[in-house]
Amino acid sequence: MAKKKVERVQTGVRIEKRILQVLKAIAAKHDMTLGDLLEGILLHNFEGKSLFEEDSLKFIRQMCDAYGLDLTAADSHKLTEDE
């Protein structure tokens, strides 16, 4: 399959600290950049597909435990932060 050319832009997205730590660990495990990981997650999600197989999900659970990430999808859109 031919590679597709894209235009990437720098962004200043704010993200919950522990989520970022887990994402960085996943990217490092798969020897990819954080941006490439996020693009993959989003493109799969846009098609209603899961990017992660069971071995990756196990690693993610381990990283969530290691970084104290106790948030779930149910917490989405209900997060607040100290001013």
C-alpha atoms as a PDB file:
ATOM      1  CA  MET A   1       0.000   0.000   0.000  1.00  0.00           C
ATOM      2  CA  ALA A   2       1.352   3.415  -0.946  1.00  0.00           C
ATOM      3  CA  LYS A   3       2.032   5.887   1.834  1.00  0.00           C
ATOM      4  CA  LYS A   4      -0.187   8.962   1.839  1.00  0.00           C
ATOM      5  CA  LYS A   5       1.284  12.417   2.252  1.00  0.00           C
ATOM      6  CA  VAL A   6      -0.204  14.538   5.013  1.00  0.00           C
ATOM      7  CA  GLU A   7       0.348  17.997   6.418  1.00  0.00           C
ATOM      8  CA  ARG A   8       0.994  17.988  10.152  1.00  0.00           C
ATOM      9  CA  VAL A   9       0.609  21.025  12.396  1.00  0.00           C
ATOM     10  CA  GLN A  10       1.891  21.824  15.868  1.00  0.00           C
ATOM     11  CA  THR A  11      -0.845  22.090  18.478  1.00  0.00           C
ATOM     12  CA  GLY A  12      -1.081  23.181  22.077  1.00  0.00           C
ATOM     13  CA  VAL A  13      -3.527  20.593  23.383  1.00  0.00           C
ATOM     14  CA  ARG A  14      -3.957  20.314  27.160  1.00  0.00           C
ATOM     15  CA  ILE A  15      -4.389  16.757  28.449  1.00  0.00           C
ATOM     16  CA  GLU A  16      -4.695  15.111  31.847  1.00  0.00           C
ATOM     17  CA  LYS A  17      -1.212  14.320  33.173  1.00  0.00           C
ATOM     18  CA  ARG A  18      -1.681  10.594  33.870  1.00  0.00           C
ATOM     19  CA  ILE A  19      -3.353   9.996  30.511  1.00  0.00           C
ATOM     20  CA  LEU A  20      -0.332  11.587  28.843  1.00  0.00           C
ATOM     21  CA  GLN A  21       2.058   9.405  30.858  1.00  0.00           C
ATOM     22  CA  VAL A  22       0.212   6.260  29.768  1.00  0.00           C
ATOM     23  CA  LEU A  23       0.119   7.415  26.129  1.00  0.00           C
ATOM     24  CA  LYS A  24       3.865   8.115  26.158  1.00  0.00           C
ATOM     25  CA  ALA A  25       4.517   4.643  27.596  1.00  0.00           C
ATOM     26  CA  ILE A  26       2.396   3.028  24.874  1.00  0.00           C
ATOM     27  CA  ALA A  27       4.172   5.023  22.152  1.00  0.00           C
ATOM     28  CA  ALA A  28       7.595   4.081  23.557  1.00  0.00           C
ATOM     29  CA  LYS A  29       6.628   0.389  23.753  1.00  0.00           C
ATOM     30  CA  HIS A  30       5.668   0.457  20.079  1.00  0.00           C
ATOM     31  CA  ASP A  31       8.679   2.607  19.078  1.00  0.00           C
ATOM     32  CA  MET A  32       6.537   5.393  17.657  1.00  0.00           C
ATOM     33  CA  THR A  33       5.974   9.056  18.320  1.00  0.00           C
ATOM     34  CA  LEU A  34       3.155  10.267  20.505  1.00  0.00           C
ATOM     35  CA  GLY A  35       1.673  12.042  17.473  1.00  0.00           C
ATOM     36  CA  ASP A  36       1.696   8.856  15.391  1.00  0.00           C
ATOM     37  CA  LEU A  37       0.012   6.962  18.234  1.00  0.00           C
ATOM     38  CA  LEU A  38      -2.707   9.607  18.616  1.00  0.00           C
ATOM     39  CA  GLU A  39      -3.340   9.676  14.859  1.00  0.00           C
ATOM     40  CA  GLY A  40      -3.693   5.889  14.853  1.00  0.00           C
ATOM     41  CA  ILE A  41      -6.044   5.873  17.847  1.00  0.00           C
ATOM     42  CA  LEU A  42      -8.230   8.570  16.318  1.00  0.00           C
ATOM     43  CA  LEU A  43      -8.359   7.111  12.806  1.00  0.00           C
ATOM     44  CA  HIS A  44      -9.347   3.709  14.200  1.00  0.00           C
ATOM     45  CA  ASN A  45     -11.934   5.324  16.474  1.00  0.00           C
ATOM     46  CA  PHE A  46     -13.428   7.325  13.595  1.00  0.00           C
ATOM     47  CA  GLU A  47     -14.165   3.964  11.923  1.00  0.00           C
ATOM     48  CA  GLY A  48     -15.514   2.375  15.116  1.00  0.00           C
ATOM     49  CA  LYS A  49     -12.508   0.053  15.381  1.00  0.00           C
ATOM     50  CA  SER A  50     -10.233  -0.730  18.292  1.00  0.00           C
ATOM     51  CA  LEU A  51      -6.540  -0.134  17.722  1.00  0.00           C
ATOM     52  CA  PHE A  52      -5.397  -2.331  20.589  1.00  0.00           C
ATOM     53  CA  GLU A  53      -5.294  -6.104  20.825  1.00  0.00           C
ATOM     54  CA  GLU A  54      -5.422  -7.983  24.139  1.00  0.00           C
ATOM     55  CA  ASP A  55      -1.648  -7.886  24.781  1.00  0.00           C
ATOM     56  CA  SER A  56      -1.627  -4.115  24.305  1.00  0.00           C
ATOM     57  CA  LEU A  57      -4.712  -3.704  26.504  1.00  0.00           C
ATOM     58  CA  LYS A  58      -2.934  -5.670  29.245  1.00  0.00           C
ATOM     59  CA  PHE A  59       0.075  -3.321  28.962  1.00  0.00           C
ATOM     60  CA  ILE A  60      -2.254  -0.306  29.084  1.00  0.00           C
ATOM     61  CA  ARG A  61      -3.903  -1.616  32.268  1.00  0.00           C
ATOM     62  CA  GLN A  62      -0.437  -2.095  33.802  1.00  0.00           C
ATOM     63  CA  MET A  63       0.564   1.468  32.883  1.00  0.00           C
ATOM     64  CA  CYS A  64      -2.719   2.850  34.246  1.00  0.00           C
ATOM     65  CA  ASP A  65      -1.973   1.099  37.546  1.00  0.00           C
ATOM     66  CA  ALA A  66       1.637   2.286  37.534  1.00  0.00           C
ATOM     67  CA  TYR A  67       0.644   5.931  36.943  1.00  0.00           C
ATOM     68  CA  GLY A  68      -2.454   5.838  39.149  1.00  0.00           C
ATOM     69  CA  LEU A  69      -4.821   6.492  36.252  1.00  0.00           C
ATOM     70  CA  ASP A  70      -8.251   5.639  37.625  1.00  0.00           C
ATOM     71  CA  LEU A  71     -10.328   7.551  35.070  1.00  0.00           C
ATOM     72  CA  THR A  72     -12.688   5.698  32.750  1.00  0.00           C
ATOM     73  CA  ALA A  73     -14.763   6.589  29.714  1.00  0.00           C
ATOM     74  CA  ALA A  74     -17.635   7.301  32.121  1.00  0.00           C
ATOM     75  CA  ASP A  75     -15.547  10.194  33.506  1.00  0.00           C
ATOM     76  CA  SER A  76     -15.249  11.787  30.073  1.00  0.00           C
ATOM     77  CA  HIS A  77     -16.665  15.334  29.909  1.00  0.00           C
ATOM     78  CA  LYS A  78     -16.980  15.385  33.721  1.00  0.00           C
ATOM     79  CA  LEU A  79     -13.405  16.366  34.581  1.00  0.00           C
ATOM     80  CA  THR A  80     -12.495  19.564  36.378  1.00  0.00           C
ATOM     81  CA  GLU A  81      -9.184  21.019  37.458  1.00  0.00           C
ATOM     82  CA  ASP A  82      -7.930  23.378  40.115  1.00  0.00           C
ATOM     83  CA  GLU A  83      -7.675  26.941  38.899  1.00  0.00           C
END
